[in-house]
Structures are given as structure tokens and as C-alpha cells.
Protein backbone atom coordinates (compact mmCIF):
# COMPACT_ATOMS: atom_id res chain seq x y z
CA MET A 1 32.36 47.03 109.40
CA ARG A 2 33.49 45.40 106.18
CA ALA A 3 33.59 41.62 106.54
CA ILE A 4 35.92 39.98 104.00
CA ALA A 5 36.90 36.35 103.45
CA LEU A 6 40.21 35.64 101.73
CA ILE A 7 39.63 32.41 99.88
CA ASN A 8 41.17 30.12 97.31
CA GLN A 9 40.76 26.36 97.41
CA LYS A 10 44.31 25.95 96.17
CA GLY A 11 47.07 25.90 98.74
CA GLY A 12 50.24 27.93 98.52
CA VAL A 13 48.76 30.89 96.65
CA GLY A 14 49.57 33.55 99.26
CA LYS A 15 46.17 33.61 100.95
CA THR A 16 47.47 33.67 104.53
CA THR A 17 50.27 36.06 103.57
CA CYS A 18 47.64 38.44 102.19
CA THR A 19 45.43 38.17 105.27
CA ALA A 20 48.29 38.69 107.72
CA ASN A 21 49.86 41.63 105.95
CA LEU A 22 46.73 43.34 104.67
CA GLY A 23 45.41 43.29 108.24
CA ALA A 24 48.57 44.93 109.55
CA ALA A 25 48.60 47.48 106.73
CA LEU A 26 44.97 48.45 107.35
CA ALA A 27 45.71 48.83 111.07
CA SER A 28 48.66 51.08 110.24
CA HIS A 29 46.16 53.33 108.44
CA GLY A 30 44.26 53.72 111.69
CA LYS A 31 41.64 51.03 111.06
CA ARG A 32 40.43 48.60 113.72
CA VAL A 33 40.88 45.11 112.31
CA LEU A 34 39.96 41.63 113.52
CA MET A 35 41.50 38.65 111.74
CA VAL A 36 39.90 35.21 112.08
CA ASP A 37 42.02 32.12 111.46
CA ILE A 38 39.57 29.42 110.41
CA ASP A 39 42.21 27.15 108.89
CA PRO A 40 43.22 24.07 110.96
CA GLN A 41 46.79 24.55 109.73
CA ALA A 42 46.81 27.77 111.81
CA ASN A 43 49.32 29.49 109.52
CA LEU A 44 47.85 32.92 110.19
CA SER A 45 48.21 32.41 113.93
CA VAL A 46 51.80 31.20 113.57
CA HIS A 47 52.53 34.21 111.34
CA TYR A 48 51.87 36.39 114.40
CA GLY A 49 54.10 34.36 116.68
CA ILE A 50 51.27 32.64 118.53
CA LYS A 51 52.24 29.36 120.15
CA VAL A 52 49.19 27.54 118.86
CA TYR A 53 49.62 24.47 121.06
CA GLN A 54 49.69 26.56 124.23
CA ILE A 55 46.75 28.93 123.75
CA PRO A 56 43.90 28.46 126.25
CA THR A 57 41.17 28.92 123.65
CA SER A 58 40.75 29.24 119.89
CA ILE A 59 38.25 29.48 117.04
CA TYR A 60 37.43 25.82 117.65
CA PHE A 61 36.08 26.51 121.12
CA LEU A 62 34.08 29.44 119.79
CA LEU A 63 32.46 27.30 117.08
CA VAL A 64 31.49 24.47 119.43
CA GLY A 65 30.14 26.85 122.05
CA GLN A 66 32.80 26.29 124.70
CA ALA A 67 34.15 29.86 124.65
CA THR A 68 32.76 33.34 124.09
CA LEU A 69 33.88 35.83 121.47
CA ASN A 70 35.72 37.93 124.07
CA GLN A 71 37.53 34.86 125.36
CA THR A 72 38.90 33.96 121.93
CA ILE A 73 40.07 37.40 120.73
CA MET A 74 43.79 38.06 121.21
CA LYS A 75 45.72 41.26 120.67
CA THR A 76 48.68 41.28 118.29
CA MET A 77 51.88 43.33 118.32
CA VAL A 78 50.20 45.78 115.93
CA ASP A 79 48.03 48.48 117.50
CA GLY A 80 44.41 48.14 116.38
CA LEU A 81 44.89 44.60 115.08
CA ASP A 82 43.39 41.60 116.89
CA ILE A 83 43.13 37.93 115.99
CA ILE A 84 41.03 34.88 116.79
CA PRO A 85 43.64 32.13 116.55
CA SER A 86 43.36 28.56 115.38
CA ASN A 87 45.14 25.28 116.04
CA ILE A 88 44.89 21.61 115.09
CA ASP A 89 41.78 21.18 117.25
CA LEU A 90 39.86 22.80 114.40
CA ALA A 91 40.54 19.78 112.19
CA GLY A 92 37.79 17.87 113.98
CA ALA A 93 35.32 20.74 113.96
CA GLU A 94 33.78 19.90 110.59
CA ILE A 95 32.78 16.46 111.83
CA GLU A 96 31.35 17.89 115.05
CA LEU A 97 29.48 20.68 113.26
CA VAL A 98 27.81 18.42 110.71
CA GLY A 99 25.07 17.35 113.10
CA MET A 100 24.33 20.83 114.43
CA PRO A 101 21.24 22.75 113.28
CA GLY A 102 22.17 25.66 111.02
CA ARG A 103 25.71 24.34 110.75
CA GLU A 104 26.62 26.79 107.96
CA MET A 105 25.71 29.77 110.18
CA ILE A 106 27.53 28.88 113.41
CA LEU A 107 30.43 31.29 112.89
CA LYS A 108 28.08 34.11 111.91
CA GLU A 109 26.06 33.67 115.10
CA ALA A 110 29.23 33.44 117.21
CA MET A 111 30.50 36.73 115.75
CA ASN A 112 27.33 38.63 116.68
CA GLY A 113 28.18 42.11 117.96
CA VAL A 114 31.67 42.27 116.48
CA GLU A 115 30.57 44.78 113.86
CA THR A 116 30.43 47.58 116.44
CA ARG A 117 34.03 47.05 117.51
CA TYR A 118 35.98 46.84 114.26
CA ASP A 119 36.23 48.51 110.86
CA TYR A 120 37.36 45.30 109.12
CA LEU A 121 36.87 41.59 109.67
CA LEU A 122 39.32 39.46 107.66
CA VAL A 123 38.72 35.70 107.60
CA ASP A 124 41.57 33.45 106.46
CA CYS A 125 39.85 30.39 104.96
CA PRO A 126 41.28 26.87 104.62
CA PRO A 127 42.37 25.68 101.15
CA SER A 128 39.13 23.76 100.61
CA LEU A 129 35.44 24.38 100.01
CA GLY A 130 34.18 22.49 103.07
CA LEU A 131 31.98 23.41 106.03
CA LEU A 132 34.53 25.75 107.61
CA THR A 133 34.74 27.76 104.40
CA LEU A 134 30.95 27.80 104.11
CA ASN A 135 30.78 29.25 107.62
CA ALA A 136 33.18 31.98 106.55
CA LEU A 137 31.13 32.77 103.44
CA THR A 138 27.90 33.12 105.40
CA THR A 139 29.61 35.45 107.89
CA VAL A 140 31.11 37.93 105.43
CA SER A 141 29.69 40.13 102.70
CA GLU A 142 32.82 40.28 100.53
CA ILE A 143 35.37 37.91 99.05
CA PHE A 144 38.97 38.66 98.12
CA ILE A 145 40.66 36.00 95.99
CA PRO A 146 44.48 35.90 96.03
CA LEU A 147 45.77 34.55 92.72
CA GLN A 148 49.42 33.76 92.09
CA THR A 149 50.70 34.92 88.72
CA GLU A 150 51.82 31.44 87.74
CA PHE A 151 50.70 28.97 85.08
CA PHE A 152 48.02 27.15 87.10
CA ALA A 153 46.62 30.29 88.71
CA LEU A 154 43.13 29.98 87.21
CA GLN A 155 42.89 26.21 87.57
CA GLY A 156 39.93 25.34 89.76
CA MET A 157 38.48 28.84 89.71
CA SER A 158 35.31 27.63 88.01
CA LYS A 159 34.54 25.46 91.06
CA LEU A 160 35.22 28.34 93.43
CA LEU A 161 32.93 30.67 91.48
CA GLU A 162 30.27 27.98 91.37
CA THR A 163 30.44 27.64 95.16
CA PHE A 164 30.21 31.42 95.49
CA GLU A 165 27.06 31.50 93.35
CA ILE A 166 25.41 28.71 95.37
CA VAL A 167 26.20 30.38 98.71
CA LYS A 168 24.99 33.75 97.41
CA LYS A 169 21.74 32.24 96.15
CA ARG A 170 20.91 30.01 99.11
CA LEU A 171 22.68 31.30 102.20
CA ASN A 172 24.04 34.84 101.85
CA HIS A 173 22.37 37.12 99.31
CA SER A 174 24.71 40.03 100.09
CA LEU A 175 27.89 38.12 99.21
CA GLU A 176 30.02 39.66 96.45
CA ILE A 177 33.50 39.15 95.03
CA THR A 178 35.05 42.59 95.47
CA GLY A 179 38.75 42.01 94.87
CA ILE A 180 41.30 39.82 93.11
CA ILE A 181 44.81 40.13 94.55
CA PRO A 182 47.65 39.24 92.14
CA CYS A 183 50.37 37.54 94.21
CA MET A 184 53.88 36.15 93.78
CA PHE A 185 54.48 38.41 90.81
CA ASP A 186 57.92 38.24 89.23
CA ALA A 187 58.41 41.12 86.80
CA ARG A 188 61.47 39.40 85.33
CA THR A 189 59.43 36.61 83.74
CA ARG A 190 57.22 36.77 80.68
CA LEU A 191 54.92 34.16 82.22
CA SER A 192 54.03 36.37 85.20
CA GLN A 193 53.17 39.20 82.83
CA GLU A 194 51.00 36.96 80.64
CA VAL A 195 49.15 35.37 83.57
CA LEU A 196 48.49 38.82 85.03
CA GLU A 197 47.03 39.89 81.69
CA ASN A 198 44.80 36.79 81.68
CA ILE A 199 43.59 37.50 85.22
CA ARG A 200 42.78 41.09 84.31
CA GLU A 201 41.05 40.00 81.12
CA TYR A 202 38.78 37.57 82.96
CA PHE A 203 38.04 39.55 86.13
CA GLU A 204 38.33 43.03 84.60
CA ASN A 205 37.87 45.82 87.18
CA LYS A 206 37.86 43.36 90.08
CA VAL A 207 41.64 43.04 89.97
CA PHE A 208 43.49 45.34 92.35
CA LYS A 209 46.07 47.60 90.73
CA SER A 210 48.44 46.81 93.60
CA ILE A 211 50.48 43.70 92.85
CA ILE A 212 52.18 41.62 95.54
CA ARG A 213 55.66 40.95 94.23
CA LYS A 214 57.87 38.02 95.15
CA ASN A 215 60.06 39.25 97.97
CA VAL A 216 62.57 37.50 100.22
CA LYS A 217 61.65 39.60 103.26
CA LEU A 218 57.98 38.77 102.75
CA ALA A 219 58.84 35.06 102.79
CA GLU A 220 60.99 35.45 105.90
CA ALA A 221 58.47 37.41 107.99
CA PRO A 222 56.30 34.45 109.16
CA SER A 223 59.30 32.62 110.61
CA HIS A 224 59.92 35.68 112.80
CA GLY A 225 56.28 35.85 113.89
CA LYS A 226 55.76 39.33 112.44
CA PRO A 227 53.87 40.99 109.59
CA ILE A 228 56.02 42.50 106.89
CA ASN A 229 55.53 46.12 107.97
CA VAL A 230 56.97 45.23 111.38
CA TYR A 231 59.67 42.82 110.20
CA ALA A 232 60.96 44.86 107.24
CA ALA A 233 59.10 48.15 106.87
CA ASP A 234 61.39 49.33 104.05
CA SER A 235 60.94 46.22 101.88
CA HIS A 236 59.05 45.87 98.60
CA GLY A 237 56.62 43.54 100.38
CA ALA A 238 55.71 46.21 102.94
CA ALA A 239 55.27 48.79 100.19
CA ASP A 240 53.01 46.45 98.18
CA PHE A 241 50.68 45.76 101.10
CA MET A 242 50.52 49.41 102.12
CA ALA A 243 49.45 50.21 98.55
CA LEU A 244 46.89 47.40 98.64
CA ALA A 245 45.46 48.67 101.94
CA LYS A 246 45.02 52.13 100.41
CA GLU A 247 43.11 50.57 97.50
CA VAL A 248 40.89 48.57 99.85
CA ILE A 249 40.08 51.71 101.84
CA ALA A 250 39.43 53.62 98.61
CA GLN A 251 36.80 51.03 97.62
CA GLU A 252 34.55 52.50 100.29
CA ASN A 253 34.24 55.69 98.24
CA SER A 254 33.30 53.82 95.07
CA LYS A 255 29.83 52.98 93.87
CA GLY A 256 30.20 49.39 94.97
CA PRO A 257 31.17 46.13 93.28
CA THR A 258 29.97 44.80 89.98
CA PRO A 259 29.09 41.12 90.46
CA ILE A 260 31.14 38.51 88.66
CA VAL A 261 28.81 36.31 86.63
CA GLN A 262 29.66 32.62 86.47
CA THR A 263 29.72 31.30 82.92
CA ASP A 264 30.10 27.89 81.37
CA ALA A 265 33.23 29.03 79.55
CA CYS A 266 36.54 27.53 80.61
CA MET A 267 39.06 29.72 82.35
CA PRO A 268 41.75 31.06 80.02
CA ALA A 269 45.20 29.55 80.21
CA PRO A 270 48.28 31.67 79.62
CA THR A 271 49.86 31.42 76.23
CA VAL A 272 53.61 31.22 76.63
CA THR A 273 55.42 32.65 73.68
CA GLY A 274 58.99 32.53 72.57
């Protein structure tokens, strides 16, 4: 099983959109996928039409030991795709977990045995670098970073990479950044092109060739409680995520990731011309 956290401490960058639709696209390729919503905002759960205030259990109950893994896993409308949902209860989890021994490893211990049941584990992290995100990073072996192709895309990335290096050194030696997903790309603007060039210059071969374009159907899908390949299978958004899923699967035939080395240099900012 490949265990992947989708992370970016900035909000509104397409992180949940990537988790929801990459999961569905991988499942459509015959993969068994489990998504974990570890964000108190529960956007991933809502994306799949889950009534988060009515569910009997959630990731919160799993983390505090009041529910088992089997009790928290829910099936989705997509064959082969399951989810552990979240809700607002998770907002208090960080306070409750602080006093627990091995508090950074609670999710990892709770997920014991899941690797025999799924091909992919996708964890949708909150837009912060707190204890919930640390739990995600100790549970997975890979990180995908969605980056919007907009002016402030690389702002704050130094802190994220610093956190990655600390977790890798102290808590999870196998952790690697294995993919950068360019999101919200608008081919009509020079800025999107320039930011994409900057992202590729900095992260080099880590950047997926598949680009997630801005798409009305992609933005509408969550309000209908469906992933894009169910809501609008013939849309650009569905095509983009199917292409991304093929790239992710193809990674398994490669020689493995080349680590990104944190430097003291500042992140590049796009130069807008004309």
C-alpha cells in the first residue's frame, strides 16, 4: 500500500479537491483506495455527500480510542473507494491528544492492518502544521503538495519543507515528497504560465506533468456530493484527474523519488512581465 498525505498549510489551494478526485480516479483504474479526512472542516467528507453532523462515528472517535478502524470506515458511491469521515468534533482533538503518550503516532497505530486491505491511503490534511498534520506525516511514507498556479503559490513553502525535514529526521525516516500537483491552472493568463515555470524550476522532476485546470464542473462537483468523474465524466476536470492518476500509478515502475533538499534560499517569486 502507498500511503500519501496531501498537504499544504495554505487554505484554498485545491488540496481537498485533489484528494477527493485523485481517490476516485485511482479507484476507476481498479485500485482499492481509502481516504482519511483529518481536517476538522470536513470538506472531503462533504465532497462525498456525507452528512457530517449525523454520522455515528468519525476520525475523531478513532483517534481518541472510542471507535475501531472498521467502525469508522464508510463506503462511497465509487466502487473500491472508502473514506474515514471527519466532522467538527475533530477540532477539539488536538487539545485532547496533547497529553497522550506518543501523541504524534496515534493515527499510525489506529491504522494498523489497513495496508493489507488497500492499494492507496490518501490523507487529506488540515491547512496547518499542527498535531493532526504531524499524525498524518508519521502515518504515511509520501507527501503530495498541491500548489495553485497563482502569485502566492510558493509563499510559506519554506516552513512546510522545514517541517517535513524535522518529521523525517525525528519521527518518520521513510517520509519523502514524491509529487507536486499544479492546480487551478488558467492557460489564458501569463501569470499561470510563469508560476508553473517557477514551480518546475524549484521542484524539478517532482512536479507532475498532469496539470489540474480551472474548471466550472470541478468547482460544482462538491455541492452535488460527487467526485468529478461521477458528476461530469466528460469534463476537463475529470480528464485532468484521470491523467494524474495514471502518472501516480506509473510512479510505481520508477526507480523511486529523489529527495527534495531544504535550503536557506528564499522561494522564487514569479516575475510578471508586460
